[in-house]
Amino acid sequence: MVFRPLAAAALAALLLAAPAQAEKVTAKRVVLDTYTSCFLVMPVAGGGIECSSTALPDTGELDPYVALHRHGRTHVGERGDYPGFPGRNVRLHDGDVWQIAGITCRVKARTITCRNQDRHGFRLGTASGFKRF
């Protein structure tokens, strides 16, 4: 009968050591790592999301970004201002899903993949680079 308490203790230890569950994130500002961040764009500035990263191609003198709206294709541009909402950044982890403004972004292997309702989007990560689809 000693076996049952030992088995229960072993099971409890495994459950406590399990990795954190992925989360559904609805924050207006998120970061993947030091080099990649995204935010919800204010409606007066066009809505949708914008992400900036060192993985984006250099587009000129200002900071490069990729934008995605509820419908349509991605847009790559540059800006010196910030059209997002104020607030704190929420860090995304592997397995997390960021859903906002009709766009769903998933995180895997330090890469964020975002798609809109038309299935257009992008993949962005400092190790994996940048790709539109």
C-alpha atoms as a PDB file:
ATOM      1  CA  MET A   1       0.000   0.000   0.000  1.00  0.00           C
ATOM      2  CA  VAL A   2       3.032   2.288   0.118  1.00  0.00           C
ATOM      3  CA  PHE A   3       2.958   2.299  -3.703  1.00  0.00           C
ATOM      4  CA  ARG A   4      -0.132   4.506  -3.986  1.00  0.00           C
ATOM      5  CA  PRO A   5       1.251   7.462  -2.000  1.00  0.00           C
ATOM      6  CA  LEU A   6       4.540   7.263  -3.923  1.00  0.00           C
ATOM      7  CA  ALA A   7       2.710   7.119  -7.251  1.00  0.00           C
ATOM      8  CA  ALA A   8       0.521  10.062  -6.236  1.00  0.00           C
ATOM      9  CA  ALA A   9       3.590  12.059  -5.175  1.00  0.00           C
ATOM     10  CA  ALA A  10       5.357  11.270  -8.465  1.00  0.00           C
ATOM     11  CA  LEU A  11       2.281  12.295 -10.456  1.00  0.00           C
ATOM     12  CA  ALA A  12       1.978  15.544  -8.498  1.00  0.00           C
ATOM     13  CA  ALA A  13       5.653  16.331  -9.152  1.00  0.00           C
ATOM     14  CA  LEU A  14       5.167  15.766 -12.901  1.00  0.00           C
ATOM     15  CA  LEU A  15       2.128  18.020 -13.003  1.00  0.00           C
ATOM     16  CA  LEU A  16       3.912  20.793 -11.130  1.00  0.00           C
ATOM     17  CA  ALA A  17       6.926  20.548 -13.450  1.00  0.00           C
ATOM     18  CA  ALA A  18       4.810  20.719 -16.637  1.00  0.00           C
ATOM     19  CA  PRO A  19       5.504  23.698 -18.894  1.00  0.00           C
ATOM     20  CA  ALA A  20       3.169  26.688 -18.741  1.00  0.00           C
ATOM     21  CA  GLN A  21       0.048  26.468 -20.869  1.00  0.00           C
ATOM     22  CA  ALA A  22      -0.200  28.608 -23.953  1.00  0.00           C
ATOM     23  CA  GLU A  23      -2.360  31.673 -23.499  1.00  0.00           C
ATOM     24  CA  LYS A  24      -4.860  33.552 -25.631  1.00  0.00           C
ATOM     25  CA  VAL A  25      -3.627  37.143 -25.511  1.00  0.00           C
ATOM     26  CA  THR A  26      -5.816  40.175 -26.313  1.00  0.00           C
ATOM     27  CA  ALA A  27      -3.426  42.949 -25.207  1.00  0.00           C
ATOM     28  CA  LYS A  28      -3.012  45.993 -27.437  1.00  0.00           C
ATOM     29  CA  ARG A  29       0.816  45.811 -27.304  1.00  0.00           C
ATOM     30  CA  VAL A  30       2.917  42.638 -27.425  1.00  0.00           C
ATOM     31  CA  VAL A  31       6.594  41.767 -27.680  1.00  0.00           C
ATOM     32  CA  LEU A  32       8.189  38.569 -28.889  1.00  0.00           C
ATOM     33  CA  ASP A  33      11.740  39.407 -27.891  1.00  0.00           C
ATOM     34  CA  THR A  34      14.028  42.418 -27.639  1.00  0.00           C
ATOM     35  CA  TYR A  35      13.984  42.852 -31.413  1.00  0.00           C
ATOM     36  CA  THR A  36      10.328  42.190 -32.385  1.00  0.00           C
ATOM     37  CA  SER A  37       7.220  44.022 -31.153  1.00  0.00           C
ATOM     38  CA  CYS A  38       3.652  44.478 -32.394  1.00  0.00           C
ATOM     39  CA  PHE A  39       0.731  46.690 -31.502  1.00  0.00           C
ATOM     40  CA  LEU A  40      -2.867  47.474 -32.356  1.00  0.00           C
ATOM     41  CA  VAL A  41      -3.056  50.593 -34.511  1.00  0.00           C
ATOM     42  CA  MET A  42      -5.530  53.293 -33.503  1.00  0.00           C
ATOM     43  CA  PRO A  43      -8.565  53.409 -35.822  1.00  0.00           C
ATOM     44  CA  VAL A  44      -7.778  57.011 -36.854  1.00  0.00           C
ATOM     45  CA  ALA A  45      -4.422  55.752 -38.135  1.00  0.00           C
ATOM     46  CA  GLY A  46      -5.981  52.930 -40.172  1.00  0.00           C
ATOM     47  CA  GLY A  47      -6.586  50.170 -37.644  1.00  0.00           C
ATOM     48  CA  GLY A  48      -5.127  46.661 -37.888  1.00  0.00           C
ATOM     49  CA  ILE A  49      -1.743  45.747 -36.423  1.00  0.00           C
ATOM     50  CA  GLU A  50       1.832  46.788 -37.071  1.00  0.00           C
ATOM     51  CA  CYS A  51       4.990  44.917 -36.156  1.00  0.00           C
ATOM     52  CA  SER A  52       8.558  46.153 -36.155  1.00  0.00           C
ATOM     53  CA  SER A  53      11.631  43.974 -36.058  1.00  0.00           C
ATOM     54  CA  THR A  54      15.287  43.894 -36.987  1.00  0.00           C
ATOM     55  CA  ALA A  55      14.266  41.051 -39.336  1.00  0.00           C
ATOM     56  CA  LEU A  56      12.399  43.476 -41.619  1.00  0.00           C
ATOM     57  CA  PRO A  57      14.193  44.856 -44.667  1.00  0.00           C
ATOM     58  CA  ASP A  58      15.667  48.319 -44.285  1.00  0.00           C
ATOM     59  CA  THR A  59      13.340  50.696 -46.111  1.00  0.00           C
ATOM     60  CA  GLY A  60      15.086  54.014 -45.590  1.00  0.00           C
ATOM     61  CA  GLU A  61      15.904  56.422 -42.793  1.00  0.00           C
ATOM     62  CA  LEU A  62      12.977  55.585 -40.497  1.00  0.00           C
ATOM     63  CA  ASP A  63      11.943  52.413 -38.644  1.00  0.00           C
ATOM     64  CA  PRO A  64      10.613  49.601 -40.872  1.00  0.00           C
ATOM     65  CA  TYR A  65       7.269  47.956 -40.065  1.00  0.00           C
ATOM     66  CA  VAL A  66       4.829  45.447 -41.527  1.00  0.00           C
ATOM     67  CA  ALA A  67       1.113  46.231 -41.314  1.00  0.00           C
ATOM     68  CA  LEU A  68      -1.852  43.879 -41.566  1.00  0.00           C
ATOM     69  CA  HIS A  69      -5.556  44.739 -41.545  1.00  0.00           C
ATOM     70  CA  ARG A  70      -8.664  42.585 -41.089  1.00  0.00           C
ATOM     71  CA  HIS A  71      -8.819  42.211 -44.907  1.00  0.00           C
ATOM     72  CA  GLY A  72      -6.228  42.591 -47.650  1.00  0.00           C
ATOM     73  CA  ARG A  73      -2.520  41.992 -48.059  1.00  0.00           C
ATOM     74  CA  THR A  74       0.374  43.055 -45.852  1.00  0.00           C
ATOM     75  CA  HIS A  75       2.087  46.389 -46.304  1.00  0.00           C
ATOM     76  CA  VAL A  76       5.732  47.118 -45.536  1.00  0.00           C
ATOM     77  CA  GLY A  77       6.709  50.687 -44.793  1.00  0.00           C
ATOM     78  CA  GLU A  78       8.656  52.975 -42.529  1.00  0.00           C
ATOM     79  CA  ARG A  79       7.625  55.414 -39.842  1.00  0.00           C
ATOM     80  CA  GLY A  80       9.036  57.687 -37.219  1.00  0.00           C
ATOM     81  CA  ASP A  81       5.860  58.112 -35.187  1.00  0.00           C
ATOM     82  CA  TYR A  82       3.872  55.640 -33.100  1.00  0.00           C
ATOM     83  CA  PRO A  83       0.196  55.123 -34.063  1.00  0.00           C
ATOM     84  CA  GLY A  84      -0.481  52.573 -31.329  1.00  0.00           C
ATOM     85  CA  PHE A  85      -2.228  52.687 -28.003  1.00  0.00           C
ATOM     86  CA  PRO A  86      -0.359  53.574 -24.816  1.00  0.00           C
ATOM     87  CA  GLY A  87       0.148  50.904 -22.198  1.00  0.00           C
ATOM     88  CA  ARG A  88       2.404  48.101 -21.166  1.00  0.00           C
ATOM     89  CA  ASN A  89       3.798  45.397 -23.422  1.00  0.00           C
ATOM     90  CA  VAL A  90       2.761  41.781 -22.883  1.00  0.00           C
ATOM     91  CA  ARG A  91       5.463  39.223 -23.686  1.00  0.00           C
ATOM     92  CA  LEU A  92       4.409  36.386 -25.981  1.00  0.00           C
ATOM     93  CA  HIS A  93       5.723  32.858 -25.464  1.00  0.00           C
ATOM     94  CA  ASP A  94       5.785  29.742 -27.627  1.00  0.00           C
ATOM     95  CA  GLY A  95       2.252  28.471 -28.120  1.00  0.00           C
ATOM     96  CA  ASP A  96       0.583  31.809 -27.337  1.00  0.00           C
ATOM     97  CA  VAL A  97      -2.125  33.136 -29.645  1.00  0.00           C
ATOM     98  CA  TRP A  98      -2.650  36.895 -30.030  1.00  0.00           C
ATOM     99  CA  GLN A  99      -6.119  37.679 -31.368  1.00  0.00           C
ATOM    100  CA  ILE A 100      -7.079  41.266 -32.049  1.00  0.00           C
ATOM    101  CA  ALA A 101      -8.801  43.372 -34.749  1.00  0.00           C
ATOM    102  CA  GLY A 102      -9.792  40.342 -36.858  1.00  0.00           C
ATOM    103  CA  ILE A 103      -6.204  39.090 -36.971  1.00  0.00           C
ATOM    104  CA  THR A 104      -4.782  35.946 -35.364  1.00  0.00           C
ATOM    105  CA  CYS A 105      -1.079  35.629 -34.565  1.00  0.00           C
ATOM    106  CA  ARG A 106       0.572  32.442 -33.296  1.00  0.00           C
ATOM    107  CA  VAL A 107       3.991  32.122 -31.715  1.00  0.00           C
ATOM    108  CA  LYS A 108       6.290  29.169 -32.336  1.00  0.00           C
ATOM    109  CA  ALA A 109      10.073  28.934 -32.030  1.00  0.00           C
ATOM    110  CA  ARG A 110      10.489  32.695 -31.400  1.00  0.00           C
ATOM    111  CA  THR A 111       8.593  33.482 -34.610  1.00  0.00           C
ATOM    112  CA  ILE A 112       5.226  35.229 -34.862  1.00  0.00           C
ATOM    113  CA  THR A 113       2.903  34.242 -37.722  1.00  0.00           C
ATOM    114  CA  CYS A 114      -0.096  36.520 -38.306  1.00  0.00           C
ATOM    115  CA  ARG A 115      -3.077  35.959 -40.633  1.00  0.00           C
ATOM    116  CA  ASN A 116      -6.127  38.041 -41.357  1.00  0.00           C
ATOM    117  CA  GLN A 117      -9.616  36.912 -42.364  1.00  0.00           C
ATOM    118  CA  ASP A 118      -8.520  36.640 -46.016  1.00  0.00           C
ATOM    119  CA  ARG A 119      -5.664  34.294 -44.934  1.00  0.00           C
ATOM    120  CA  HIS A 120      -3.051  36.884 -45.958  1.00  0.00           C
ATOM    121  CA  GLY A 121      -0.302  37.630 -43.496  1.00  0.00           C
ATOM    122  CA  PHE A 122       3.338  37.358 -42.560  1.00  0.00           C
ATOM    123  CA  ARG A 123       5.906  35.387 -40.582  1.00  0.00           C
ATOM    124  CA  LEU A 124       8.428  37.382 -38.570  1.00  0.00           C
ATOM    125  CA  GLY A 125      11.268  36.445 -36.236  1.00  0.00           C
ATOM    126  CA  THR A 126      14.842  37.498 -35.666  1.00  0.00           C
ATOM    127  CA  ALA A 127      16.113  33.969 -36.357  1.00  0.00           C
ATOM    128  CA  SER A 128      13.587  33.002 -39.051  1.00  0.00           C
ATOM    129  CA  GLY A 129      13.525  36.314 -40.940  1.00  0.00           C
ATOM    130  CA  PHE A 130      10.494  37.826 -42.682  1.00  0.00           C
ATOM    131  CA  LYS A 131       8.082  36.349 -45.206  1.00  0.00           C
ATOM    132  CA  ARG A 132       4.728  37.603 -46.583  1.00  0.00           C
ATOM    133  CA  PHE A 133       1.951  35.329 -47.818  1.00  0.00           C
END
